[in-house]
N, C-alpha and C. Protein backbone atom coordinates (compact mmCIF):
# COMPACT_ATOMS: atom_id res chain seq x y z
N MET A 1 10.52 -5.95 15.10
CA MET A 1 10.33 -6.22 16.51
C MET A 1 9.19 -5.37 17.07
N LYS A 2 9.04 -4.15 16.53
CA LYS A 2 8.00 -3.25 17.02
C LYS A 2 6.59 -3.85 16.88
N PRO A 3 6.24 -4.47 15.72
CA PRO A 3 4.89 -5.05 15.61
C PRO A 3 4.63 -6.12 16.67
N TYR A 4 5.66 -6.88 17.04
CA TYR A 4 5.48 -7.92 18.05
C TYR A 4 5.20 -7.30 19.42
N LEU A 5 5.89 -6.23 19.72
CA LEU A 5 5.66 -5.57 21.01
C LEU A 5 4.27 -4.93 21.07
N ILE A 6 3.85 -4.34 19.95
CA ILE A 6 2.50 -3.77 19.90
C ILE A 6 1.46 -4.87 20.05
N SER A 7 1.67 -5.99 19.37
CA SER A 7 0.75 -7.12 19.48
C SER A 7 0.68 -7.64 20.91
N LEU A 8 1.82 -7.74 21.54
CA LEU A 8 1.85 -8.20 22.94
C LEU A 8 1.11 -7.21 23.84
N ALA A 9 1.33 -5.92 23.64
CA ALA A 9 0.67 -4.91 24.46
C ALA A 9 -0.85 -4.95 24.28
N VAL A 10 -1.30 -5.10 23.04
CA VAL A 10 -2.74 -5.18 22.78
C VAL A 10 -3.30 -6.46 23.40
N GLY A 11 -2.57 -7.55 23.32
CA GLY A 11 -3.01 -8.80 23.94
C GLY A 11 -3.15 -8.67 25.45
N VAL A 12 -2.21 -7.99 26.07
CA VAL A 12 -2.29 -7.77 27.52
C VAL A 12 -3.50 -6.90 27.84
N LEU A 13 -3.73 -5.86 27.04
CA LEU A 13 -4.88 -4.98 27.25
C LEU A 13 -6.20 -5.77 27.14
N VAL A 14 -6.30 -6.61 26.14
CA VAL A 14 -7.50 -7.43 25.97
C VAL A 14 -7.66 -8.38 27.16
N GLY A 15 -6.56 -8.94 27.64
CA GLY A 15 -6.61 -9.81 28.81
C GLY A 15 -7.13 -9.08 30.04
N VAL A 16 -6.69 -7.85 30.22
CA VAL A 16 -7.17 -7.04 31.34
C VAL A 16 -8.67 -6.77 31.21
N ILE A 17 -9.10 -6.43 30.00
CA ILE A 17 -10.53 -6.18 29.76
C ILE A 17 -11.34 -7.44 30.03
N TYR A 18 -10.86 -8.60 29.56
CA TYR A 18 -11.54 -9.87 29.85
C TYR A 18 -11.68 -10.07 31.34
N SER A 19 -10.61 -9.80 32.06
CA SER A 19 -10.62 -9.99 33.50
C SER A 19 -11.63 -9.06 34.17
N LEU A 20 -11.67 -7.81 33.75
CA LEU A 20 -12.61 -6.86 34.33
C LEU A 20 -14.07 -7.23 34.05
N LEU A 21 -14.30 -7.85 32.89
CA LEU A 21 -15.65 -8.25 32.51
C LEU A 21 -16.00 -9.66 33.00
N ASN A 22 -15.06 -10.31 33.69
CA ASN A 22 -15.23 -11.68 34.17
C ASN A 22 -15.55 -12.65 33.03
N VAL A 23 -14.86 -12.46 31.90
CA VAL A 23 -15.01 -13.33 30.74
C VAL A 23 -13.89 -14.35 30.77
N ARG A 24 -14.25 -15.61 30.52
CA ARG A 24 -13.24 -16.65 30.52
C ARG A 24 -12.34 -16.51 29.29
N SER A 25 -11.08 -16.60 29.48
CA SER A 25 -10.13 -16.45 28.39
C SER A 25 -9.09 -17.55 28.51
N PRO A 26 -8.53 -18.05 27.48
CA PRO A 26 -8.74 -17.70 26.08
C PRO A 26 -9.99 -18.37 25.52
N ALA A 27 -10.39 -17.86 24.38
CA ALA A 27 -11.54 -18.45 23.70
C ALA A 27 -11.16 -19.84 23.22
N PRO A 28 -12.14 -20.70 22.99
CA PRO A 28 -11.81 -22.01 22.42
C PRO A 28 -11.03 -21.84 21.12
N PRO A 29 -10.08 -22.71 20.83
CA PRO A 29 -9.19 -22.53 19.68
C PRO A 29 -9.90 -22.27 18.35
N VAL A 30 -10.97 -22.98 18.05
CA VAL A 30 -11.65 -22.77 16.78
C VAL A 30 -12.26 -21.38 16.72
N VAL A 31 -12.85 -20.95 17.81
CA VAL A 31 -13.46 -19.62 17.85
C VAL A 31 -12.39 -18.55 17.66
N ALA A 32 -11.25 -18.73 18.29
CA ALA A 32 -10.16 -17.76 18.16
C ALA A 32 -9.65 -17.68 16.73
N ILE A 33 -9.49 -18.82 16.09
CA ILE A 33 -8.97 -18.83 14.72
C ILE A 33 -9.97 -18.19 13.77
N VAL A 34 -11.26 -18.50 13.94
CA VAL A 34 -12.28 -17.89 13.09
C VAL A 34 -12.29 -16.37 13.31
N GLY A 35 -12.14 -15.94 14.54
CA GLY A 35 -12.09 -14.51 14.83
C GLY A 35 -10.90 -13.83 14.18
N LEU A 36 -9.74 -14.48 14.21
CA LEU A 36 -8.56 -13.92 13.55
C LEU A 36 -8.74 -13.84 12.04
N LEU A 37 -9.35 -14.86 11.47
CA LEU A 37 -9.62 -14.84 10.03
C LEU A 37 -10.56 -13.68 9.69
N GLY A 38 -11.58 -13.49 10.52
CA GLY A 38 -12.49 -12.37 10.31
C GLY A 38 -11.78 -11.03 10.38
N MET A 39 -10.83 -10.91 11.30
CA MET A 39 -10.06 -9.67 11.41
C MET A 39 -9.24 -9.43 10.15
N LEU A 40 -8.59 -10.47 9.64
CA LEU A 40 -7.79 -10.33 8.43
C LEU A 40 -8.65 -9.93 7.23
N ILE A 41 -9.80 -10.58 7.10
CA ILE A 41 -10.69 -10.26 5.98
C ILE A 41 -11.23 -8.84 6.13
N GLY A 42 -11.65 -8.48 7.33
CA GLY A 42 -12.17 -7.15 7.57
C GLY A 42 -11.16 -6.06 7.28
N GLU A 43 -9.90 -6.35 7.56
CA GLU A 43 -8.84 -5.38 7.32
C GLU A 43 -8.67 -5.10 5.83
N GLN A 44 -9.03 -6.06 4.99
CA GLN A 44 -8.85 -5.90 3.55
C GLN A 44 -10.09 -5.37 2.83
N LEU A 45 -11.21 -5.25 3.55
CA LEU A 45 -12.44 -4.78 2.90
C LEU A 45 -12.31 -3.37 2.33
N VAL A 46 -11.66 -2.48 3.05
CA VAL A 46 -11.54 -1.09 2.58
C VAL A 46 -10.66 -0.99 1.33
N PRO A 47 -9.43 -1.55 1.33
CA PRO A 47 -8.62 -1.43 0.11
C PRO A 47 -9.26 -2.10 -1.11
N VAL A 48 -9.85 -3.28 -0.91
CA VAL A 48 -10.50 -3.96 -2.04
C VAL A 48 -11.73 -3.17 -2.48
N GLY A 49 -12.49 -2.65 -1.52
CA GLY A 49 -13.66 -1.83 -1.84
C GLY A 49 -13.29 -0.60 -2.65
N LYS A 50 -12.19 0.05 -2.29
CA LYS A 50 -11.74 1.22 -3.04
C LYS A 50 -11.41 0.85 -4.49
N GLN A 51 -10.75 -0.29 -4.66
CA GLN A 51 -10.41 -0.74 -6.01
C GLN A 51 -11.67 -1.07 -6.81
N LEU A 52 -12.65 -1.70 -6.15
CA LEU A 52 -13.90 -2.02 -6.83
C LEU A 52 -14.65 -0.76 -7.24
N LEU A 53 -14.66 0.24 -6.36
CA LEU A 53 -15.35 1.50 -6.67
C LEU A 53 -14.65 2.26 -7.80
N SER A 54 -13.35 2.03 -7.97
CA SER A 54 -12.64 2.70 -9.06
C SER A 54 -12.83 1.99 -10.39
N GLY A 55 -13.60 0.87 -10.38
CA GLY A 55 -13.92 0.19 -11.63
C GLY A 55 -13.16 -1.09 -11.89
N SER A 56 -12.35 -1.53 -10.96
CA SER A 56 -11.59 -2.77 -11.16
C SER A 56 -12.49 -3.99 -10.98
N ALA A 57 -12.15 -5.07 -11.65
CA ALA A 57 -12.82 -6.34 -11.43
C ALA A 57 -12.41 -6.88 -10.06
N PHE A 58 -13.20 -7.80 -9.51
CA PHE A 58 -12.94 -8.30 -8.16
C PHE A 58 -11.55 -8.93 -8.05
N THR A 59 -11.19 -9.80 -8.99
CA THR A 59 -9.88 -10.46 -8.91
C THR A 59 -8.74 -9.45 -9.04
N ALA A 60 -8.92 -8.48 -9.92
CA ALA A 60 -7.89 -7.44 -10.07
C ALA A 60 -7.79 -6.59 -8.81
N ALA A 61 -8.94 -6.30 -8.19
CA ALA A 61 -8.93 -5.52 -6.95
C ALA A 61 -8.20 -6.26 -5.85
N CYS A 62 -8.41 -7.56 -5.77
CA CYS A 62 -7.71 -8.36 -4.75
C CYS A 62 -6.21 -8.40 -5.01
N ASP A 63 -5.83 -8.49 -6.29
CA ASP A 63 -4.40 -8.52 -6.63
C ASP A 63 -3.74 -7.18 -6.36
N ARG A 64 -4.39 -6.09 -6.76
CA ARG A 64 -3.79 -4.76 -6.60
C ARG A 64 -3.65 -4.36 -5.14
N SER A 65 -4.60 -4.75 -4.32
CA SER A 65 -4.51 -4.40 -2.90
C SER A 65 -3.71 -5.43 -2.11
N GLN A 66 -3.27 -6.50 -2.77
CA GLN A 66 -2.50 -7.58 -2.16
C GLN A 66 -3.29 -8.24 -1.03
N ALA A 67 -4.61 -8.26 -1.16
CA ALA A 67 -5.47 -8.81 -0.11
C ALA A 67 -5.24 -10.30 0.06
N THR A 68 -5.13 -11.04 -1.05
CA THR A 68 -4.97 -12.49 -0.91
C THR A 68 -3.63 -12.83 -0.29
N ASP A 69 -2.58 -12.08 -0.63
CA ASP A 69 -1.28 -12.33 -0.01
C ASP A 69 -1.32 -12.04 1.49
N HIS A 70 -2.04 -11.01 1.88
CA HIS A 70 -2.10 -10.64 3.29
C HIS A 70 -2.93 -11.64 4.09
N VAL A 71 -4.05 -12.06 3.56
CA VAL A 71 -4.95 -12.96 4.30
C VAL A 71 -4.40 -14.38 4.33
N PHE A 72 -3.94 -14.89 3.19
CA PHE A 72 -3.54 -16.28 3.11
C PHE A 72 -2.03 -16.50 3.21
N GLY A 73 -1.26 -15.45 3.17
CA GLY A 73 0.19 -15.63 3.17
C GLY A 73 0.66 -16.08 1.81
N GLN A 74 1.89 -16.55 1.75
CA GLN A 74 2.46 -17.02 0.49
C GLN A 74 1.93 -18.43 0.22
N LEU A 75 1.02 -18.57 -0.72
CA LEU A 75 0.44 -19.86 -1.04
C LEU A 75 1.42 -20.69 -1.86
N PRO A 76 1.35 -22.02 -1.73
CA PRO A 76 2.25 -22.88 -2.51
C PRO A 76 2.07 -22.63 -4.00
N GLY A 77 3.18 -22.54 -4.71
CA GLY A 77 3.14 -22.30 -6.15
C GLY A 77 3.07 -20.84 -6.53
N ARG A 78 2.67 -19.99 -5.62
CA ARG A 78 2.53 -18.56 -5.93
C ARG A 78 3.90 -17.93 -6.19
N GLN A 79 4.90 -18.33 -5.41
CA GLN A 79 6.24 -17.76 -5.58
C GLN A 79 6.80 -18.15 -6.95
N ALA A 80 6.62 -19.40 -7.34
CA ALA A 80 7.10 -19.83 -8.65
C ALA A 80 6.39 -19.07 -9.76
N MET A 81 5.10 -18.82 -9.59
CA MET A 81 4.34 -18.08 -10.59
C MET A 81 4.85 -16.65 -10.69
N GLN A 82 5.19 -16.03 -9.55
CA GLN A 82 5.70 -14.66 -9.56
C GLN A 82 7.08 -14.60 -10.20
N GLN A 83 7.89 -15.65 -10.01
CA GLN A 83 9.23 -15.66 -10.60
C GLN A 83 9.17 -15.78 -12.11
N THR A 84 8.18 -16.51 -12.63
CA THR A 84 8.06 -16.61 -14.08
C THR A 84 7.51 -15.33 -14.69
N LYS A 85 6.72 -14.57 -13.92
CA LYS A 85 6.20 -13.29 -14.41
C LYS A 85 7.29 -12.23 -14.43
N ALA A 86 8.22 -12.28 -13.50
CA ALA A 86 9.24 -11.23 -13.37
C ALA A 86 10.07 -11.06 -14.63
N PRO A 87 10.59 -12.13 -15.26
CA PRO A 87 11.36 -11.92 -16.49
C PRO A 87 10.52 -11.32 -17.62
N GLU A 88 9.22 -11.73 -17.69
CA GLU A 88 8.36 -11.17 -18.73
C GLU A 88 8.18 -9.68 -18.54
N GLU A 89 8.02 -9.24 -17.30
CA GLU A 89 7.81 -7.82 -17.03
C GLU A 89 9.06 -7.00 -17.36
N LYS A 90 10.23 -7.58 -17.17
CA LYS A 90 11.48 -6.87 -17.46
C LYS A 90 11.64 -6.66 -18.96
N ARG A 91 11.13 -7.60 -19.77
CA ARG A 91 11.25 -7.49 -21.21
C ARG A 91 10.39 -6.36 -21.78
N SER A 92 9.28 -6.09 -21.10
CA SER A 92 8.33 -5.09 -21.63
C SER A 92 8.87 -3.69 -21.53
């Protein structure tokens, strides 16, 4: 519940700033969605960058930092793939 309240508070703050700057809000839907996607990708640049600097390959860096899960959510088929990996990992 706390993340939702923080998100609401930040949204209200941005609305106040828009009002003070006389900026029309909300942004057109496509612009808003592209902006949110940019925020999600930007948030993952540091963890993936750290993995890359430590010598990991790009795909491994994305997997280790869980960047793809965070940006795209649970993709179709990904859960089934993780369930088939789980028994193999337990055997090792």
